[in-house]
Amino acid sequence: MTGTGSGRGRTVLVRGGLILLGLLHVSWGVPAVLAPRWFFDNFPGFGLNWTAGYPPYNSHLMTDVGAAFLTLGAMLLAAAWLDDRRVTAVVLSGLLLFSSLHLGFHLAHGGTLTSTDLLASRTVLLAGVIAPGALLVLDHRWRA
């Protein structure tokens, strides 16, 4: 499969994935920076309170988490815009590292989440590892 796939197909899938991941991270980063207590009490939304399952609240930590999400989001969006193989590889590798470490923590620590919320949060975090990994592999194969 090396070298297969059209430039258009690559653009739609990889760049679209970069944009989606970038917008998700920005959407998490903005409230964490601007309203860290609200973010802690309400993330990820939809009546779920996963972050609050890891007390105690710390405004400095929440603001730093928001800054990390905003940074990742900006880098993902820049990679989509620049459409450069090396930039894409570096940004997706960085996100893959962050997401893997984040998942690892949550696999080792359940906080005070119910079993249903714990399973759901870990599933979402696993998707956060799979997505950049898959995009990295696809981009490498299509550009090799």
Protein backbone atom coordinates (compact mmCIF):
# COMPACT_ATOMS: atom_id res chain seq x y z
CA MET A 1 0.00 0.00 0.00
CA THR A 2 3.04 2.27 0.19
CA GLY A 3 2.69 5.21 -2.13
CA THR A 4 -0.97 4.54 -2.81
CA GLY A 5 -3.83 6.93 -2.42
CA SER A 6 -4.49 10.10 -4.29
CA GLY A 7 -3.39 13.49 -3.12
CA ARG A 8 -7.06 14.42 -2.86
CA GLY A 9 -7.90 11.37 -0.72
CA ARG A 10 -4.98 12.17 1.53
CA THR A 11 -6.12 15.77 1.82
CA VAL A 12 -9.63 14.81 2.77
CA LEU A 13 -8.69 12.18 5.34
CA VAL A 14 -5.44 13.34 6.93
CA ARG A 15 -5.97 17.08 6.73
CA GLY A 16 -9.60 16.66 7.77
CA GLY A 17 -8.44 14.59 10.74
CA LEU A 18 -5.88 17.23 11.68
CA ILE A 19 -8.56 19.93 11.53
CA LEU A 20 -11.03 17.88 13.58
CA LEU A 21 -8.44 17.06 16.25
CA GLY A 22 -7.24 20.67 16.24
CA LEU A 23 -10.72 22.08 16.75
CA LEU A 24 -11.48 19.57 19.51
CA HIS A 25 -8.33 20.54 21.41
CA VAL A 26 -9.02 24.26 20.98
CA SER A 27 -12.62 23.73 22.17
CA TRP A 28 -11.27 22.08 25.33
CA GLY A 29 -8.46 24.58 25.83
CA VAL A 30 -10.45 27.79 25.66
CA PRO A 31 -12.80 27.05 28.58
CA ALA A 32 -9.98 25.51 30.64
CA VAL A 33 -7.95 28.71 30.30
CA LEU A 34 -10.81 31.21 30.58
CA ALA A 35 -12.99 29.40 33.13
CA PRO A 36 -10.87 26.74 34.84
CA ARG A 37 -13.38 26.04 37.62
CA TRP A 38 -16.22 25.59 35.13
CA PHE A 39 -14.02 23.29 33.03
CA PHE A 40 -13.11 21.19 36.08
CA ASP A 41 -16.74 20.87 37.20
CA ASN A 42 -18.28 20.24 33.75
CA PHE A 43 -15.82 18.57 31.36
CA PRO A 44 -16.60 16.88 29.01
CA GLY A 45 -20.15 18.24 29.15
CA PHE A 46 -23.41 16.52 28.24
CA GLY A 47 -24.12 16.01 31.96
CA LEU A 48 -20.80 14.22 32.48
CA ASN A 49 -18.22 15.46 34.99
CA TRP A 50 -15.14 13.37 34.32
CA THR A 51 -12.50 15.90 35.33
CA ALA A 52 -14.24 16.51 38.66
CA GLY A 53 -13.77 12.80 39.32
CA TYR A 54 -10.10 13.58 40.06
CA PRO A 55 -10.23 16.04 42.97
CA PRO A 56 -9.15 18.35 44.38
CA TYR A 57 -9.70 21.30 42.08
CA ASN A 58 -6.56 23.30 41.25
CA SER A 59 -6.94 26.44 39.12
CA HIS A 60 -3.25 26.48 38.17
CA LEU A 61 -3.41 22.89 36.94
CA MET A 62 -6.63 23.48 34.98
CA THR A 63 -5.19 26.60 33.32
CA ASP A 64 -2.02 24.70 32.42
CA VAL A 65 -4.11 21.86 30.96
CA GLY A 66 -6.01 24.41 28.90
CA ALA A 67 -2.77 25.92 27.66
CA ALA A 68 -1.56 22.45 26.62
CA PHE A 69 -4.83 21.77 24.78
CA LEU A 70 -4.66 25.14 23.02
CA THR A 71 -1.05 24.53 22.02
CA LEU A 72 -1.85 21.09 20.63
CA GLY A 73 -4.88 22.48 18.81
CA ALA A 74 -2.88 25.30 17.24
CA MET A 75 -0.16 22.88 16.14
CA LEU A 76 -2.69 20.46 14.62
CA LEU A 77 -4.38 23.27 12.70
CA ALA A 78 -1.00 24.58 11.53
CA ALA A 79 -0.06 21.10 10.29
CA ALA A 80 -3.32 20.92 8.32
CA TRP A 81 -2.67 24.36 6.85
CA LEU A 82 0.98 23.78 5.95
CA ASP A 83 0.39 20.28 4.52
CA ASP A 84 4.03 19.33 5.01
CA ARG A 85 4.91 15.69 5.69
CA ARG A 86 7.53 16.48 8.31
CA VAL A 87 5.39 18.98 10.17
CA THR A 88 2.45 16.57 10.14
CA ALA A 89 4.66 13.74 11.44
CA VAL A 90 6.08 15.85 14.28
CA VAL A 91 2.71 17.23 15.37
CA LEU A 92 0.91 13.88 15.24
CA SER A 93 3.82 12.19 17.05
CA GLY A 94 3.63 14.82 19.79
CA LEU A 95 -0.12 14.36 20.14
CA LEU A 96 0.30 10.57 20.16
CA LEU A 97 2.83 10.84 23.01
CA PHE A 98 0.61 13.20 25.02
CA SER A 99 -2.48 11.08 24.46
CA SER A 100 -0.70 7.82 25.32
CA LEU A 101 0.64 9.24 28.59
CA HIS A 102 -2.79 10.69 29.39
CA LEU A 103 -4.46 7.32 28.74
CA GLY A 104 -1.81 5.57 30.83
CA PHE A 105 -2.58 7.75 33.83
CA HIS A 106 -6.29 7.10 33.56
CA LEU A 107 -5.79 3.35 33.16
CA ALA A 108 -3.85 3.38 36.44
CA HIS A 109 -6.14 5.80 38.30
CA GLY A 110 -9.93 5.69 38.31
CA GLY A 111 -10.54 8.71 40.47
CA THR A 112 -14.05 8.78 41.90
CA LEU A 113 -15.78 7.96 38.61
CA THR A 114 -18.53 5.37 38.44
CA SER A 115 -17.68 2.23 36.48
CA THR A 116 -19.79 3.44 33.54
CA ASP A 117 -18.11 6.85 33.43
CA LEU A 118 -14.69 5.27 33.90
CA LEU A 119 -15.23 2.91 30.97
CA ALA A 120 -16.60 5.73 28.80
CA SER A 121 -13.74 8.09 29.64
CA ARG A 122 -11.11 5.43 29.00
CA THR A 123 -12.75 4.56 25.68
CA VAL A 124 -12.64 8.21 24.61
CA LEU A 125 -9.01 8.46 25.71
CA LEU A 126 -8.18 5.30 23.73
CA ALA A 127 -9.77 6.89 20.65
CA GLY A 128 -7.50 9.86 21.33
CA VAL A 129 -4.51 7.54 20.93
CA ILE A 130 -5.86 5.64 17.93
CA ALA A 131 -6.79 8.72 15.88
CA PRO A 132 -3.37 10.42 15.70
CA GLY A 133 -1.66 7.02 15.34
CA ALA A 134 -3.87 6.09 12.40
CA LEU A 135 -3.41 9.50 10.75
CA LEU A 136 0.34 9.23 11.20
CA VAL A 137 0.45 5.79 9.54
CA LEU A 138 -1.85 6.85 6.70
CA ASP A 139 0.07 10.02 5.99
CA HIS A 140 3.39 8.17 6.01
CA ARG A 141 2.11 5.45 3.66
CA TRP A 142 0.54 7.90 1.24
CA ARG A 143 3.56 10.16 1.07
CA ALA A 144 6.27 7.46 1.03
